[in-house]
């Protein structure tokens, strides 16, 4: 019997491993980058959509378009989103050495403030002018303000705190320190 010869002309050549695995590596890398980008954008959205609350000195314009400081009043600024105020604390006092004498000490709790594009929130010390007349020699007038707040849905809690000293010559508050977190 004669041997039969078979010739295979279409034998596939052996492929290198990276021809098959490169697309898989690219797909896995793209998946990892997509997950990281999703987490980053969620974090950025949370940070950019949270409310920001702070206190500024209140002033008005007179007929001559001059700024008139009103040191007895502070404006509460809210931007970006509504804020659920857990506690708003205002304290005005005279201090000389270790002696502290309160003018006004007020605390408000559990209410909502909306962004102030079309509204304005203020806090005014009623007897401010009368209190200034009771100032003793060597006393400084101080203001402490603290606001604890969160977004409307709760979640992360934020805080704004400010210490100021009244400048009797310039009739305005000088900020000593401000903290926000």
Protein backbone atom coordinates (compact mmCIF):
# COMPACT_ATOMS: atom_id res chain seq x y z
CA UNK A 1 0.00 0.00 0.00
CA UNK A 2 1.15 3.37 -0.88
CA UNK A 3 1.26 6.04 1.78
CA UNK A 4 -1.11 8.93 1.31
CA UNK A 5 0.33 12.34 1.47
CA UNK A 6 -1.86 15.15 2.78
CA UNK A 7 -0.76 18.72 2.31
CA UNK A 8 -2.33 21.38 4.46
CA UNK A 9 -2.00 24.72 2.84
CA UNK A 10 -4.07 26.84 5.21
CA UNK A 11 -2.47 26.11 8.56
CA UNK A 12 -2.86 29.22 10.68
CA UNK A 13 0.35 30.69 11.92
CA UNK A 14 0.84 30.79 15.66
CA UNK A 15 -0.28 34.14 17.06
CA UNK A 16 1.62 36.04 19.66
CA UNK A 17 -0.20 36.31 23.02
CA UNK A 18 -0.43 40.09 22.94
CA UNK A 19 -2.57 40.06 19.77
CA UNK A 20 -5.41 38.43 21.70
CA UNK A 21 -4.87 40.06 25.11
CA UNK A 22 -4.23 43.69 24.11
CA UNK A 23 -7.92 44.49 23.45
CA UNK A 24 -8.84 42.86 26.77
CA UNK A 25 -6.24 44.95 28.64
CA UNK A 26 -7.52 48.12 26.93
CA UNK A 27 -11.12 47.29 27.86
CA UNK A 28 -10.21 46.60 31.53
CA UNK A 29 -8.18 49.82 31.69
CA UNK A 30 -11.09 51.80 30.18
CA UNK A 31 -13.46 50.26 32.74
CA UNK A 32 -11.18 51.25 35.64
CA UNK A 33 -10.82 54.82 34.29
CA UNK A 34 -14.60 55.08 33.87
CA UNK A 35 -15.24 53.98 37.46
CA UNK A 36 -12.67 56.47 38.79
CA UNK A 37 -14.18 59.27 36.66
CA UNK A 38 -17.65 58.42 37.97
CA UNK A 39 -16.47 58.60 41.59
CA UNK A 40 -14.62 61.87 40.94
CA UNK A 41 -17.62 63.51 39.24
CA UNK A 42 -19.96 62.39 42.06
CA UNK A 43 -17.58 63.97 44.59
CA UNK A 44 -17.37 67.18 42.54
CA UNK A 45 -21.16 67.33 42.23
CA UNK A 46 -21.57 66.92 45.98
CA UNK A 47 -19.03 69.66 46.69
CA UNK A 48 -20.45 72.07 44.13
CA UNK A 49 -24.12 71.58 44.98
CA UNK A 50 -23.82 72.03 48.73
CA UNK A 51 -24.96 75.22 50.42
CA UNK A 52 -22.44 77.86 51.47
CA UNK A 53 -23.40 80.09 54.42
CA UNK A 54 -21.47 83.00 55.90
CA UNK A 55 -21.99 86.31 57.67
CA UNK A 56 -20.95 89.75 56.35
CA UNK A 57 -21.22 93.27 57.71
CA UNK A 58 -24.32 95.13 56.62
CA UNK A 59 -24.11 98.50 54.85
CA UNK A 60 -26.48 100.75 52.91
CA UNK A 61 -26.05 103.53 50.37
CA UNK A 62 -27.22 107.03 51.22
CA UNK A 63 -28.55 109.64 48.78
CA UNK A 64 -25.01 110.65 47.81
CA UNK A 65 -24.14 107.02 46.99
CA UNK A 66 -21.84 106.75 50.01
CA UNK A 67 -21.62 103.53 51.98
CA UNK A 68 -23.04 103.81 55.50
CA UNK A 69 -21.95 101.01 57.83
CA UNK A 70 -24.60 99.61 60.14
CA UNK A 71 -22.56 97.76 62.77
CA UNK A 72 -25.64 96.60 64.67
CA UNK A 73 -26.70 94.45 61.68
CA UNK A 74 -25.10 91.49 59.94
CA UNK A 75 -26.24 89.96 56.65
CA UNK A 76 -26.49 86.19 56.39
CA UNK A 77 -25.40 85.03 52.95
CA UNK A 78 -26.55 81.72 51.49
CA UNK A 79 -25.52 80.64 48.01
CA UNK A 80 -25.60 77.60 45.76
CA UNK A 81 -28.38 75.61 47.47
CA UNK A 82 -30.88 75.89 50.32
CA UNK A 83 -29.41 75.35 53.77
CA UNK A 84 -30.98 73.64 56.74
CA UNK A 85 -29.75 75.71 59.68
CA UNK A 86 -29.32 73.53 62.74
CA UNK A 87 -28.05 76.38 64.91
CA UNK A 88 -27.28 80.06 64.38
CA UNK A 89 -25.54 81.76 67.30
CA UNK A 90 -24.87 85.51 67.71
CA UNK A 91 -22.96 86.96 70.62
CA UNK A 92 -22.00 90.62 71.14
CA UNK A 93 -20.03 91.53 74.26
CA UNK A 94 -17.63 93.98 75.87
CA UNK A 95 -14.38 92.54 77.14
CA UNK A 96 -11.64 94.03 79.28
CA UNK A 97 -9.00 91.59 80.48
CA UNK A 98 -10.91 88.60 81.82
CA UNK A 99 -14.11 90.57 82.43
CA UNK A 100 -16.81 89.85 79.84
CA UNK A 101 -20.11 91.75 79.69
CA UNK A 102 -22.81 90.55 77.25
CA UNK A 103 -24.77 93.00 75.12
CA UNK A 104 -26.65 90.42 73.09
CA UNK A 105 -26.61 86.64 73.14
CA UNK A 106 -29.07 84.96 70.80
CA UNK A 107 -29.45 81.49 69.35
CA UNK A 108 -31.84 80.30 66.65
CA UNK A 109 -32.41 76.64 65.77
CA UNK A 110 -33.95 74.40 63.15
CA UNK A 111 -35.03 76.45 60.15
CA UNK A 112 -34.28 76.72 56.43
CA UNK A 113 -32.63 79.56 54.52
CA UNK A 114 -32.76 79.75 50.75
CA UNK A 115 -30.11 81.19 48.40
CA UNK A 116 -30.18 84.96 48.58
CA UNK A 117 -30.31 86.07 44.96
CA UNK A 118 -33.72 87.69 45.55
CA UNK A 119 -33.93 87.76 49.32
CA UNK A 120 -31.82 88.98 52.17
CA UNK A 121 -31.45 87.67 55.71
CA UNK A 122 -30.19 89.90 58.49
CA UNK A 123 -29.72 89.83 62.23
CA UNK A 124 -29.88 93.09 64.17
CA UNK A 125 -28.90 93.83 67.75
CA UNK A 126 -31.78 95.91 69.08
CA UNK A 127 -30.06 97.94 71.80
CA UNK A 128 -26.70 98.38 70.05
CA UNK A 129 -26.54 102.19 70.23
CA UNK A 130 -27.57 102.16 73.89
CA UNK A 131 -24.97 99.50 74.67
CA UNK A 132 -22.22 101.62 73.10
CA UNK A 133 -22.99 104.39 75.59
CA UNK A 134 -22.37 101.97 78.48
CA UNK A 135 -18.83 101.22 77.29
CA UNK A 136 -16.26 101.56 80.05
CA UNK A 137 -12.71 102.67 79.52
CA UNK A 138 -10.43 99.92 78.23
CA UNK A 139 -13.27 97.68 76.99
CA UNK A 140 -13.32 96.25 73.50
CA UNK A 141 -16.52 95.34 71.70
CA UNK A 142 -16.44 91.83 70.22
CA UNK A 143 -18.77 89.81 68.02
CA UNK A 144 -18.93 86.04 67.74
CA UNK A 145 -21.08 84.32 65.10
CA UNK A 146 -21.45 80.61 64.45
CA UNK A 147 -23.72 78.84 61.97
CA UNK A 148 -24.08 75.05 61.88
CA UNK A 149 -25.89 73.87 58.75
CA UNK A 150 -26.39 71.11 56.18
CA UNK A 151 -28.14 70.62 52.87
CA UNK A 152 -31.93 70.23 52.89
CA UNK A 153 -31.66 66.47 52.70
CA UNK A 154 -29.34 66.38 55.70
CA UNK A 155 -26.17 64.44 55.20
CA UNK A 156 -22.85 66.15 55.77
CA UNK A 157 -22.83 68.98 58.31
CA UNK A 158 -20.99 72.25 57.73
CA UNK A 159 -19.98 75.14 59.96
CA UNK A 160 -19.12 78.83 59.68
CA UNK A 161 -17.57 80.73 62.60
CA UNK A 162 -16.36 84.31 62.89
CA UNK A 163 -14.70 86.48 65.56
CA UNK A 164 -14.65 90.26 65.04
CA UNK A 165 -13.60 93.35 66.99
CA UNK A 166 -15.40 96.67 66.60
CA UNK A 167 -13.30 99.63 65.45
CA UNK A 168 -14.90 102.69 67.10
CA UNK A 169 -12.94 105.14 64.93
CA UNK A 170 -13.96 103.64 61.57
CA UNK A 171 -17.40 102.52 62.80
CA UNK A 172 -16.94 99.01 61.41
CA UNK A 173 -16.05 95.48 62.40
CA UNK A 174 -12.53 94.12 61.91
CA UNK A 175 -12.51 90.37 61.36
CA UNK A 176 -10.04 88.58 63.63
CA UNK A 177 -10.68 85.07 62.35
CA UNK A 178 -13.07 83.17 60.14
CA UNK A 179 -13.41 79.42 59.96
CA UNK A 180 -15.52 77.36 57.60
CA UNK A 181 -15.66 73.65 57.07
